[in-house]
Each structure stands twice: as structure tokens, then as C-alpha cells.
């Protein structure tokens, strides 16, 4: 169980702060709920059961874990998926799972596809742009809070930590 003041990752809402634990404001249930305030969605509130099993609700990675992920970016291999339908399915699973290393793999895959498509005289697909943005928001949001940085500073922080060619590229 989380405590008031804890930072958690809650599905597609990303990093949230636990504001309270108790019944719903309507008081209609004996069930306990977390009231979460998404860090990057201002003015938003999320209510989720304490015993929730449908949406990922997990502890935020620690500063040390974030530093380890950043240090490992060069050695994290991209996903190797050629089939478009399979890629979309895997990307959706990764976004739902909210696992930072998997998000890095996804970002690398999309970037590699972009480079290949540009070399062929094609543009990046709308789908790839959308998936890249979602993965980037999820990963960078968690890294920023774990490292005590503003989200818009995380790319610079990554660039300082590893060789420019090996960092997570921008689409």
C-alpha cells in the first residue's frame, strides 16, 4: 500500500502523487481508493481502488534506478519487430506496462525506423510519431521526478551523461 505523499506511476496518466486514501468523495462505497494528482496533467484528479489490478499502479523508480537506466541506454537493444500489426500490439503493451527499459527499447525502435524511412525518401509515419510521443512522455516524466529535475530538462541531462550518438533520439 502506498502512503499519502508518495509518487507512483499510474498507467497512461504517468507520474502521480498520492493525495489521499479513503472512500470516494461521494461516499458511496466502503472500498478504499487512492486519490491521485497526475504531476503532468494540471488540474486532474484520478481515483483508483487500493486493490486495483486492471491498471498499472507501481512505485516510482528511485534516483539510483533512474541513473542506472540512463547509464545503460547505450547497451539497451532496440526492439526487432518488422510486422506492422505486431509492432502496434507490442507498443501498446509497452505503454500499458510502463516499464522504463521497455520504453527505451521502443523509442530506439521508432528512431531506427525513422532513419531508415528518411533514407528511403519517406516520412515518419503518424503512428510512429504518436507512439514516440507517448513513450517519451511516460519515460521522461518518470525519470524527471525520480531525478528531481523538470521534465523539459531531462533530454539535456541524458545528453550530459552519455555520448550524444547513443542518447535516446528525438523524432
C-alpha atoms as a PDB file:
ATOM      1  CA  UNK A   1       0.000   0.000   0.000  1.00  0.00           C
ATOM      2  CA  UNK A   2       1.197   3.490  -0.783  1.00  0.00           C
ATOM      3  CA  UNK A   3       1.186   6.445   1.582  1.00  0.00           C
ATOM      4  CA  UNK A   4      -0.057   9.996   1.178  1.00  0.00           C
ATOM      5  CA  UNK A   5       2.727  11.993  -0.457  1.00  0.00           C
ATOM      6  CA  UNK A   6       4.211   9.020  -2.354  1.00  0.00           C
ATOM      7  CA  UNK A   7       4.875   9.318  -6.067  1.00  0.00           C
ATOM      8  CA  UNK A   8       3.558   6.442  -8.176  1.00  0.00           C
ATOM      9  CA  UNK A   9       3.180   5.581 -11.836  1.00  0.00           C
ATOM     10  CA  UNK A  10      -0.449   5.091 -12.801  1.00  0.00           C
ATOM     11  CA  UNK A  11      -0.984   3.736 -16.315  1.00  0.00           C
ATOM     12  CA  UNK A  12      -1.332   6.301 -19.070  1.00  0.00           C
ATOM     13  CA  UNK A  13      -1.606   9.144 -16.527  1.00  0.00           C
ATOM     14  CA  UNK A  14       2.102   8.724 -15.757  1.00  0.00           C
ATOM     15  CA  UNK A  15       3.604  10.009 -12.545  1.00  0.00           C
ATOM     16  CA  UNK A  16       1.057  10.868  -9.879  1.00  0.00           C
ATOM     17  CA  UNK A  17       1.237  11.972  -6.272  1.00  0.00           C
ATOM     18  CA  UNK A  18      -0.927  10.154  -3.731  1.00  0.00           C
ATOM     19  CA  UNK A  19      -3.071  12.943  -2.292  1.00  0.00           C
ATOM     20  CA  UNK A  20      -5.308  10.885  -0.012  1.00  0.00           C
ATOM     21  CA  UNK A  21      -6.514   7.391   0.791  1.00  0.00           C
ATOM     22  CA  UNK A  22     -10.118   6.750   1.706  1.00  0.00           C
ATOM     23  CA  UNK A  23     -13.593   6.367   0.339  1.00  0.00           C
ATOM     24  CA  UNK A  24     -14.740   8.174  -2.772  1.00  0.00           C
ATOM     25  CA  UNK A  25     -15.834  11.788  -2.299  1.00  0.00           C
ATOM     26  CA  UNK A  26     -19.395  10.639  -2.981  1.00  0.00           C
ATOM     27  CA  UNK A  27     -19.086   8.233  -0.038  1.00  0.00           C
ATOM     28  CA  UNK A  28     -20.949   5.537  -1.975  1.00  0.00           C
ATOM     29  CA  UNK A  29     -18.565   2.702  -1.162  1.00  0.00           C
ATOM     30  CA  UNK A  30     -16.794   1.009   1.725  1.00  0.00           C
ATOM     31  CA  UNK A  31     -13.925   0.327  -0.642  1.00  0.00           C
ATOM     32  CA  UNK A  32     -10.663   2.271  -0.179  1.00  0.00           C
ATOM     33  CA  UNK A  33      -9.414   4.457  -3.009  1.00  0.00           C
ATOM     34  CA  UNK A  34      -6.250   6.364  -3.752  1.00  0.00           C
ATOM     35  CA  UNK A  35      -6.812   9.937  -4.817  1.00  0.00           C
ATOM     36  CA  UNK A  36      -4.001  10.696  -7.236  1.00  0.00           C
ATOM     37  CA  UNK A  37      -2.867  14.005  -8.692  1.00  0.00           C
ATOM     38  CA  UNK A  38      -1.091  13.493 -12.035  1.00  0.00           C
ATOM     39  CA  UNK A  39       2.124  15.527 -11.982  1.00  0.00           C
ATOM     40  CA  UNK A  40       1.998  16.483 -15.662  1.00  0.00           C
ATOM     41  CA  UNK A  41      -1.758  16.859 -16.148  1.00  0.00           C
ATOM     42  CA  UNK A  42      -2.576  20.006 -14.214  1.00  0.00           C
ATOM     43  CA  UNK A  43      -5.951  20.188 -12.521  1.00  0.00           C
ATOM     44  CA  UNK A  44      -6.605  16.480 -12.990  1.00  0.00           C
ATOM     45  CA  UNK A  45      -7.545  14.013 -10.274  1.00  0.00           C
ATOM     46  CA  UNK A  46      -7.670  10.224 -10.506  1.00  0.00           C
ATOM     47  CA  UNK A  47      -9.495   7.870  -8.161  1.00  0.00           C
ATOM     48  CA  UNK A  48      -8.410   4.235  -8.197  1.00  0.00           C
ATOM     49  CA  UNK A  49      -9.167   1.389  -5.822  1.00  0.00           C
ATOM     50  CA  UNK A  50      -6.336   0.485  -3.446  1.00  0.00           C
ATOM     51  CA  UNK A  51      -6.770  -3.117  -4.605  1.00  0.00           C
ATOM     52  CA  UNK A  52      -6.712  -2.121  -8.311  1.00  0.00           C
ATOM     53  CA  UNK A  53      -5.410  -4.865 -10.619  1.00  0.00           C
ATOM     54  CA  UNK A  54      -6.546  -3.541 -14.005  1.00  0.00           C
ATOM     55  CA  UNK A  55      -4.213  -0.564 -14.467  1.00  0.00           C
ATOM     56  CA  UNK A  56      -0.513  -0.469 -13.641  1.00  0.00           C
ATOM     57  CA  UNK A  57      -0.040   1.225 -10.305  1.00  0.00           C
ATOM     58  CA  UNK A  58       3.517   0.973  -9.087  1.00  0.00           C
ATOM     59  CA  UNK A  59       6.142   2.710  -7.049  1.00  0.00           C
ATOM     60  CA  UNK A  60       8.196   5.311  -8.882  1.00  0.00           C
ATOM     61  CA  UNK A  61      11.729   4.197  -9.709  1.00  0.00           C
ATOM     62  CA  UNK A  62      14.377   5.504  -7.341  1.00  0.00           C
ATOM     63  CA  UNK A  63      17.068   8.014  -8.222  1.00  0.00           C
ATOM     64  CA  UNK A  64      19.621   5.171  -8.322  1.00  0.00           C
ATOM     65  CA  UNK A  65      17.386   3.115 -10.635  1.00  0.00           C
ATOM     66  CA  UNK A  66      16.919   6.134 -12.917  1.00  0.00           C
ATOM     67  CA  UNK A  67      20.690   6.714 -13.030  1.00  0.00           C
ATOM     68  CA  UNK A  68      21.220   3.026 -13.821  1.00  0.00           C
ATOM     69  CA  UNK A  69      18.745   3.149 -16.709  1.00  0.00           C
ATOM     70  CA  UNK A  70      20.435   6.253 -18.092  1.00  0.00           C
ATOM     71  CA  UNK A  71      23.831   4.628 -17.795  1.00  0.00           C
ATOM     72  CA  UNK A  72      22.576   1.556 -19.636  1.00  0.00           C
ATOM     73  CA  UNK A  73      20.887   3.369 -22.544  1.00  0.00           C
ATOM     74  CA  UNK A  74      23.756   2.672 -24.954  1.00  0.00           C
ATOM     75  CA  UNK A  75      23.595  -1.077 -24.268  1.00  0.00           C
ATOM     76  CA  UNK A  76      19.791  -1.396 -24.298  1.00  0.00           C
ATOM     77  CA  UNK A  77      18.857  -3.045 -27.573  1.00  0.00           C
ATOM     78  CA  UNK A  78      16.047  -1.819 -29.769  1.00  0.00           C
ATOM     79  CA  UNK A  79      13.009  -3.969 -30.377  1.00  0.00           C
ATOM     80  CA  UNK A  80      13.293  -6.042 -33.538  1.00  0.00           C
ATOM     81  CA  UNK A  81       9.768  -6.146 -34.934  1.00  0.00           C
ATOM     82  CA  UNK A  82       9.088  -5.808 -38.650  1.00  0.00           C
ATOM     83  CA  UNK A  83       5.392  -6.707 -38.822  1.00  0.00           C
ATOM     84  CA  UNK A  84       3.311  -3.508 -38.501  1.00  0.00           C
ATOM     85  CA  UNK A  85       0.370  -5.060 -36.627  1.00  0.00           C
ATOM     86  CA  UNK A  86       2.691  -6.857 -34.239  1.00  0.00           C
ATOM     87  CA  UNK A  87       4.660  -3.630 -33.634  1.00  0.00           C
ATOM     88  CA  UNK A  88       1.488  -1.751 -32.772  1.00  0.00           C
ATOM     89  CA  UNK A  89       0.383  -4.505 -30.393  1.00  0.00           C
ATOM     90  CA  UNK A  90       3.785  -4.616 -28.697  1.00  0.00           C
ATOM     91  CA  UNK A  91       3.935  -0.809 -28.458  1.00  0.00           C
ATOM     92  CA  UNK A  92       0.510  -0.722 -26.796  1.00  0.00           C
ATOM     93  CA  UNK A  93       1.613  -3.404 -24.315  1.00  0.00           C
ATOM     94  CA  UNK A  94       4.772  -1.460 -23.507  1.00  0.00           C
ATOM     95  CA  UNK A  95       2.817   1.750 -22.938  1.00  0.00           C
ATOM     96  CA  UNK A  96       0.348  -0.114 -20.728  1.00  0.00           C
ATOM     97  CA  UNK A  97       3.144  -1.801 -18.773  1.00  0.00           C
ATOM     98  CA  UNK A  98       5.025   1.433 -18.014  1.00  0.00           C
ATOM     99  CA  UNK A  99       8.428  -0.294 -17.689  1.00  0.00           C
ATOM    100  CA  UNK A 100      11.197   2.256 -18.314  1.00  0.00           C
ATOM    101  CA  UNK A 101      13.672  -0.090 -20.033  1.00  0.00           C
ATOM    102  CA  UNK A 102      10.949  -1.300 -22.411  1.00  0.00           C
ATOM    103  CA  UNK A 103      10.105   2.324 -23.215  1.00  0.00           C
ATOM    104  CA  UNK A 104      13.775   2.912 -24.126  1.00  0.00           C
ATOM    105  CA  UNK A 105      13.662  -0.104 -26.464  1.00  0.00           C
ATOM    106  CA  UNK A 106      10.511   1.251 -28.074  1.00  0.00           C
ATOM    107  CA  UNK A 107      11.974   4.726 -28.546  1.00  0.00           C
ATOM    108  CA  UNK A 108      15.091   3.276 -30.137  1.00  0.00           C
ATOM    109  CA  UNK A 109      12.986   1.144 -32.494  1.00  0.00           C
ATOM    110  CA  UNK A 110      10.936   4.101 -33.675  1.00  0.00           C
ATOM    111  CA  UNK A 111      14.042   6.217 -34.171  1.00  0.00           C
ATOM    112  CA  UNK A 112      15.726   3.498 -36.228  1.00  0.00           C
ATOM    113  CA  UNK A 113      12.606   3.207 -38.377  1.00  0.00           C
ATOM    114  CA  UNK A 114      12.610   6.974 -38.858  1.00  0.00           C
ATOM    115  CA  UNK A 115      16.240   6.972 -40.027  1.00  0.00           C
ATOM    116  CA  UNK A 116      15.538   4.096 -42.419  1.00  0.00           C
ATOM    117  CA  UNK A 117      12.411   5.733 -43.828  1.00  0.00           C
ATOM    118  CA  UNK A 118      14.160   9.080 -44.308  1.00  0.00           C
ATOM    119  CA  UNK A 119      17.000   7.316 -46.149  1.00  0.00           C
ATOM    120  CA  UNK A 120      14.345   5.834 -48.451  1.00  0.00           C
ATOM    121  CA  UNK A 121      12.860   9.289 -49.076  1.00  0.00           C
ATOM    122  CA  UNK A 122       9.815   8.606 -46.884  1.00  0.00           C
ATOM    123  CA  UNK A 123       8.430  10.436 -43.879  1.00  0.00           C
ATOM    124  CA  UNK A 124       7.970   9.026 -40.404  1.00  0.00           C
ATOM    125  CA  UNK A 125       4.502   7.543 -40.001  1.00  0.00           C
ATOM    126  CA  UNK A 126       1.859   9.324 -37.961  1.00  0.00           C
ATOM    127  CA  UNK A 127       1.556   6.181 -35.857  1.00  0.00           C
ATOM    128  CA  UNK A 128       5.277   6.174 -35.067  1.00  0.00           C
ATOM    129  CA  UNK A 129       5.175   9.875 -34.148  1.00  0.00           C
ATOM    130  CA  UNK A 130       2.247   9.254 -31.806  1.00  0.00           C
ATOM    131  CA  UNK A 131       3.831   6.205 -30.160  1.00  0.00           C
ATOM    132  CA  UNK A 132       7.159   8.034 -29.780  1.00  0.00           C
ATOM    133  CA  UNK A 133       5.482  10.970 -28.040  1.00  0.00           C
ATOM    134  CA  UNK A 134       3.564   8.692 -25.665  1.00  0.00           C
ATOM    135  CA  UNK A 135       6.663   6.651 -24.778  1.00  0.00           C
ATOM    136  CA  UNK A 136       8.792   9.767 -24.396  1.00  0.00           C
ATOM    137  CA  UNK A 137       6.231  11.442 -22.118  1.00  0.00           C
ATOM    138  CA  UNK A 138       5.986   8.345 -19.941  1.00  0.00           C
ATOM    139  CA  UNK A 139       9.719   7.686 -19.670  1.00  0.00           C
ATOM    140  CA  UNK A 140      10.910  11.276 -19.353  1.00  0.00           C
ATOM    141  CA  UNK A 141       8.195  12.112 -16.832  1.00  0.00           C
ATOM    142  CA  UNK A 142       9.245   9.296 -14.521  1.00  0.00           C
ATOM    143  CA  UNK A 143      12.962   9.970 -14.939  1.00  0.00           C
ATOM    144  CA  UNK A 144      12.458  13.673 -14.241  1.00  0.00           C
ATOM    145  CA  UNK A 145      10.594  13.132 -10.974  1.00  0.00           C
ATOM    146  CA  UNK A 146      12.981  10.376  -9.843  1.00  0.00           C
ATOM    147  CA  UNK A 147      15.980  12.608 -10.533  1.00  0.00           C
ATOM    148  CA  UNK A 148      14.385  15.759  -9.129  1.00  0.00           C
ATOM    149  CA  UNK A 149      14.528  17.570 -12.481  1.00  0.00           C
ATOM    150  CA  UNK A 150      12.000  19.443 -14.558  1.00  0.00           C
ATOM    151  CA  UNK A 151      10.690  17.271 -17.385  1.00  0.00           C
ATOM    152  CA  UNK A 152      11.872  19.687 -20.069  1.00  0.00           C
ATOM    153  CA  UNK A 153      15.439  19.376 -18.707  1.00  0.00           C
ATOM    154  CA  UNK A 154      15.670  15.581 -18.917  1.00  0.00           C
ATOM    155  CA  UNK A 155      16.944  15.443 -22.527  1.00  0.00           C
ATOM    156  CA  UNK A 156      19.841  17.737 -21.625  1.00  0.00           C
ATOM    157  CA  UNK A 157      20.568  15.651 -18.547  1.00  0.00           C
ATOM    158  CA  UNK A 158      20.691  12.480 -20.660  1.00  0.00           C
ATOM    159  CA  UNK A 159      22.970  14.193 -23.179  1.00  0.00           C
ATOM    160  CA  UNK A 160      25.377  15.170 -20.388  1.00  0.00           C
ATOM    161  CA  UNK A 161      25.502  11.601 -19.098  1.00  0.00           C
ATOM    162  CA  UNK A 162      26.150   9.664 -22.314  1.00  0.00           C
ATOM    163  CA  UNK A 163      27.629  10.139 -25.768  1.00  0.00           C
ATOM    164  CA  UNK A 164      25.359  12.209 -27.972  1.00  0.00           C
ATOM    165  CA  UNK A 165      25.125   9.480 -30.630  1.00  0.00           C
ATOM    166  CA  UNK A 166      23.930   6.944 -28.063  1.00  0.00           C
ATOM    167  CA  UNK A 167      21.235   9.003 -26.376  1.00  0.00           C
ATOM    168  CA  UNK A 168      17.560   8.492 -26.959  1.00  0.00           C
ATOM    169  CA  UNK A 169      16.974  10.341 -30.208  1.00  0.00           C
ATOM    170  CA  UNK A 170      14.352  12.935 -30.918  1.00  0.00           C
ATOM    171  CA  UNK A 171      11.806  12.099 -33.612  1.00  0.00           C
END
